[in-house]
Structures are given as C-alpha cells and as structure tokens.
C-alpha cells in the first residue's frame, strides 16, 4: 500500500476526517463545530457539483450519474466526520457501534442509485 494508490489516499483522508470529527466532538463548542463541519461538507458538495458539471436542468439519465459521482466524493467524509463526532463521547460500546455503522454505511451506500433517485425527483 503506497500513497499513490487512490484507495490508500481515500482511507487516509477518511481517517483524518474521522479524527477531526473526534476532536470536534471533544471540544467545548462541539455543536457549533458539528454544524460548521457539515456546512463545510455542503460547500465541498457545491464545488464538486460545479466542477463535475452537474446541470440540474439536464435529463435524469445524464444528471443521475453526475449526482452519483458527487455523492461518492462528498458523503464518505461527511459520514466519517459525523461518526467521529458521535464517537467522541460515550461508552466504548457506543463508540464501537457508531464506528461499525459508519463502516457499513460507507461500504454499502448505493451512490449511483441515490444519484438516479435524486435526479428523478428533481426533474420529474
């Protein structure tokens, strides 16, 4: 595993975002930091959607894959940040459950289907 492998880079990014979420969850103003982190994720989503050329007036068969790509880039860091924030406090069992659910969600989330469903809802 080298840092030129995209999967390794993605794993490192998710680990860093998870640690940032833990630090935000342990801080004094943790609710504000949670909201700030989620607003940052939404800002990244807007930038990624703009860069990828996601035109909301496009037909669903064109818009769906683009939104799926946006979801695939934006949702994993959002899930990692939220999981870190939730795992920052509580028992070890709760922390294990939060991290386990986050890992399952990251592994099984249907990005393409979610993009197609969103495109269908936006256009029809």
C-alpha atoms as a PDB file:
ATOM      1  CA  UNK A   1       0.000   0.000   0.000  1.00  0.00           C
ATOM      2  CA  UNK A   2       1.507   3.281  -1.152  1.00  0.00           C
ATOM      3  CA  UNK A   3       0.164   6.793  -1.084  1.00  0.00           C
ATOM      4  CA  UNK A   4      -0.043   6.764  -4.874  1.00  0.00           C
ATOM      5  CA  UNK A   5      -2.855   4.208  -4.620  1.00  0.00           C
ATOM      6  CA  UNK A   6      -6.223   6.059  -4.715  1.00  0.00           C
ATOM      7  CA  UNK A   7      -7.726   3.683  -2.162  1.00  0.00           C
ATOM      8  CA  UNK A   8      -4.883   4.362   0.274  1.00  0.00           C
ATOM      9  CA  UNK A   9      -5.259   8.104  -0.164  1.00  0.00           C
ATOM     10  CA  UNK A  10      -9.010   7.827   0.365  1.00  0.00           C
ATOM     11  CA  UNK A  11      -8.504   5.781   3.517  1.00  0.00           C
ATOM     12  CA  UNK A  12      -6.021   8.312   4.897  1.00  0.00           C
ATOM     13  CA  UNK A  13      -8.399  11.190   4.117  1.00  0.00           C
ATOM     14  CA  UNK A  14     -11.289   9.412   5.843  1.00  0.00           C
ATOM     15  CA  UNK A  15      -9.114   8.650   8.866  1.00  0.00           C
ATOM     16  CA  UNK A  16      -8.034  12.295   9.112  1.00  0.00           C
ATOM     17  CA  UNK A  17     -11.637  13.493   8.784  1.00  0.00           C
ATOM     18  CA  UNK A  18     -12.685  10.970  11.457  1.00  0.00           C
ATOM     19  CA  UNK A  19     -10.002  12.293  13.824  1.00  0.00           C
ATOM     20  CA  UNK A  20     -11.096  15.875  13.121  1.00  0.00           C
ATOM     21  CA  UNK A  21     -14.643  14.784  13.974  1.00  0.00           C
ATOM     22  CA  UNK A  22     -13.439  13.232  17.243  1.00  0.00           C
ATOM     23  CA  UNK A  23     -11.570  16.422  18.125  1.00  0.00           C
ATOM     24  CA  UNK A  24     -14.645  18.499  17.289  1.00  0.00           C
ATOM     25  CA  UNK A  25     -16.776  16.221  19.450  1.00  0.00           C
ATOM     26  CA  UNK A  26     -14.396  16.598  22.404  1.00  0.00           C
ATOM     27  CA  UNK A  27     -14.147  20.403  22.164  1.00  0.00           C
ATOM     28  CA  UNK A  28     -16.173  22.854  24.239  1.00  0.00           C
ATOM     29  CA  UNK A  29     -18.238  24.261  21.373  1.00  0.00           C
ATOM     30  CA  UNK A  30     -18.888  20.854  19.860  1.00  0.00           C
ATOM     31  CA  UNK A  31     -22.356  21.613  18.490  1.00  0.00           C
ATOM     32  CA  UNK A  32     -21.065  24.648  16.625  1.00  0.00           C
ATOM     33  CA  UNK A  33     -18.151  22.626  15.306  1.00  0.00           C
ATOM     34  CA  UNK A  34     -20.546  19.898  14.145  1.00  0.00           C
ATOM     35  CA  UNK A  35     -22.636  22.433  12.260  1.00  0.00           C
ATOM     36  CA  UNK A  36     -19.500  24.075  10.862  1.00  0.00           C
ATOM     37  CA  UNK A  37     -18.166  20.734   9.661  1.00  0.00           C
ATOM     38  CA  UNK A  38     -21.427  19.829   7.982  1.00  0.00           C
ATOM     39  CA  UNK A  39     -21.632  23.267   6.341  1.00  0.00           C
ATOM     40  CA  UNK A  40     -18.083  22.693   5.047  1.00  0.00           C
ATOM     41  CA  UNK A  41     -19.209  19.370   3.568  1.00  0.00           C
ATOM     42  CA  UNK A  42     -22.135  21.089   1.831  1.00  0.00           C
ATOM     43  CA  UNK A  43     -19.726  23.707   0.451  1.00  0.00           C
ATOM     44  CA  UNK A  44     -17.492  20.946  -0.895  1.00  0.00           C
ATOM     45  CA  UNK A  45     -20.571  19.321  -2.465  1.00  0.00           C
ATOM     46  CA  UNK A  46     -21.469  22.555  -4.237  1.00  0.00           C
ATOM     47  CA  UNK A  47     -17.905  22.924  -5.542  1.00  0.00           C
ATOM     48  CA  UNK A  48     -17.726  19.289  -6.674  1.00  0.00           C
ATOM     49  CA  UNK A  49     -21.118  19.557  -8.370  1.00  0.00           C
ATOM     50  CA  UNK A  50     -19.999  22.714 -10.149  1.00  0.00           C
ATOM     51  CA  UNK A  51     -16.692  21.228 -11.251  1.00  0.00           C
ATOM     52  CA  UNK A  52     -18.296  17.986 -12.417  1.00  0.00           C
ATOM     53  CA  UNK A  53     -20.819  19.921 -14.491  1.00  0.00           C
ATOM     54  CA  UNK A  54     -23.953  18.683 -12.730  1.00  0.00           C
ATOM     55  CA  UNK A  55     -26.607  20.688 -14.563  1.00  0.00           C
ATOM     56  CA  UNK A  56     -29.875  20.401 -12.641  1.00  0.00           C
ATOM     57  CA  UNK A  57     -31.878  21.058 -15.807  1.00  0.00           C
ATOM     58  CA  UNK A  58     -30.345  18.046 -17.574  1.00  0.00           C
ATOM     59  CA  UNK A  59     -32.421  14.926 -18.190  1.00  0.00           C
ATOM     60  CA  UNK A  60     -32.370  12.311 -15.407  1.00  0.00           C
ATOM     61  CA  UNK A  61     -30.252   9.864 -17.419  1.00  0.00           C
ATOM     62  CA  UNK A  62     -27.478  12.482 -17.643  1.00  0.00           C
ATOM     63  CA  UNK A  63     -27.914  14.041 -14.204  1.00  0.00           C
ATOM     64  CA  UNK A  64     -28.167  10.759 -12.250  1.00  0.00           C
ATOM     65  CA  UNK A  65     -24.582   9.536 -12.825  1.00  0.00           C
ATOM     66  CA  UNK A  66     -23.190  13.009 -12.138  1.00  0.00           C
ATOM     67  CA  UNK A  67     -25.048  13.239  -8.832  1.00  0.00           C
ATOM     68  CA  UNK A  68     -23.888   9.706  -8.005  1.00  0.00           C
ATOM     69  CA  UNK A  69     -20.300  10.879  -8.503  1.00  0.00           C
ATOM     70  CA  UNK A  70     -20.918  13.914  -6.298  1.00  0.00           C
ATOM     71  CA  UNK A  71     -22.370  11.665  -3.589  1.00  0.00           C
ATOM     72  CA  UNK A  72     -19.385   9.307  -3.857  1.00  0.00           C
ATOM     73  CA  UNK A  73     -16.994  12.201  -3.219  1.00  0.00           C
ATOM     74  CA  UNK A  74     -18.944  14.105  -0.562  1.00  0.00           C
ATOM     75  CA  UNK A  75     -20.774  11.541   1.573  1.00  0.00           C
ATOM     76  CA  UNK A  76     -17.806   9.458   2.822  1.00  0.00           C
ATOM     77  CA  UNK A  77     -16.103  12.439   4.522  1.00  0.00           C
ATOM     78  CA  UNK A  78     -19.457  13.593   5.918  1.00  0.00           C
ATOM     79  CA  UNK A  79     -20.111  10.143   7.358  1.00  0.00           C
ATOM     80  CA  UNK A  80     -16.576   9.928   8.761  1.00  0.00           C
ATOM     81  CA  UNK A  81     -16.835  13.377  10.378  1.00  0.00           C
ATOM     82  CA  UNK A  82     -20.241  12.654  11.909  1.00  0.00           C
ATOM     83  CA  UNK A  83     -19.079   9.234  13.141  1.00  0.00           C
ATOM     84  CA  UNK A  84     -16.029  10.817  14.753  1.00  0.00           C
ATOM     85  CA  UNK A  85     -18.171  13.471  16.381  1.00  0.00           C
ATOM     86  CA  UNK A  86     -20.626  10.894  17.719  1.00  0.00           C
ATOM     87  CA  UNK A  87     -17.850   8.548  18.876  1.00  0.00           C
ATOM     88  CA  UNK A  88     -16.064  11.280  20.811  1.00  0.00           C
ATOM     89  CA  UNK A  89     -18.243  10.847  23.873  1.00  0.00           C
ATOM     90  CA  UNK A  90     -19.924   7.859  25.406  1.00  0.00           C
ATOM     91  CA  UNK A  91     -19.093   4.316  26.346  1.00  0.00           C
ATOM     92  CA  UNK A  92     -16.738   2.086  24.401  1.00  0.00           C
ATOM     93  CA  UNK A  93     -19.713   0.023  23.274  1.00  0.00           C
ATOM     94  CA  UNK A  94     -21.427   3.101  21.831  1.00  0.00           C
ATOM     95  CA  UNK A  95     -18.210   4.118  20.103  1.00  0.00           C
ATOM     96  CA  UNK A  96     -17.841   0.663  18.575  1.00  0.00           C
ATOM     97  CA  UNK A  97     -21.446   0.700  17.375  1.00  0.00           C
ATOM     98  CA  UNK A  98     -21.063   4.168  15.831  1.00  0.00           C
ATOM     99  CA  UNK A  99     -17.851   3.233  14.020  1.00  0.00           C
ATOM    100  CA  UNK A 100     -19.325  -0.105  12.904  1.00  0.00           C
ATOM    101  CA  UNK A 101     -22.442   1.522  11.494  1.00  0.00           C
ATOM    102  CA  UNK A 102     -20.311   4.148   9.733  1.00  0.00           C
ATOM    103  CA  UNK A 103     -18.111   1.485   8.141  1.00  0.00           C
ATOM    104  CA  UNK A 104     -21.156  -0.476   6.977  1.00  0.00           C
ATOM    105  CA  UNK A 105     -22.757   2.685   5.612  1.00  0.00           C
ATOM    106  CA  UNK A 106     -19.585   3.636   3.740  1.00  0.00           C
ATOM    107  CA  UNK A 107     -19.266   0.144   2.280  1.00  0.00           C
ATOM    108  CA  UNK A 108     -22.876  -0.397   1.287  1.00  0.00           C
ATOM    109  CA  UNK A 109     -24.237   3.024   0.337  1.00  0.00           C
ATOM    110  CA  UNK A 110     -25.744   2.925  -3.184  1.00  0.00           C
ATOM    111  CA  UNK A 111     -24.248   6.130  -4.594  1.00  0.00           C
ATOM    112  CA  UNK A 112     -25.385   5.534  -8.187  1.00  0.00           C
ATOM    113  CA  UNK A 113     -28.936   4.601  -7.153  1.00  0.00           C
ATOM    114  CA  UNK A 114     -29.137   7.625  -4.851  1.00  0.00           C
ATOM    115  CA  UNK A 115     -27.966   9.860  -7.696  1.00  0.00           C
ATOM    116  CA  UNK A 116     -30.559   8.398 -10.053  1.00  0.00           C
ATOM    117  CA  UNK A 117     -33.321   8.766  -7.456  1.00  0.00           C
ATOM    118  CA  UNK A 118     -32.354  12.374  -6.760  1.00  0.00           C
ATOM    119  CA  UNK A 119     -32.223  13.158 -10.473  1.00  0.00           C
ATOM    120  CA  UNK A 120     -35.668  11.624 -10.921  1.00  0.00           C
ATOM    121  CA  UNK A 121     -37.068  13.644  -8.032  1.00  0.00           C
ATOM    122  CA  UNK A 122     -35.522  16.892  -9.296  1.00  0.00           C
ATOM    123  CA  UNK A 123     -36.709  16.538 -12.875  1.00  0.00           C
ATOM    124  CA  UNK A 124     -39.982  14.784 -12.525  1.00  0.00           C
END
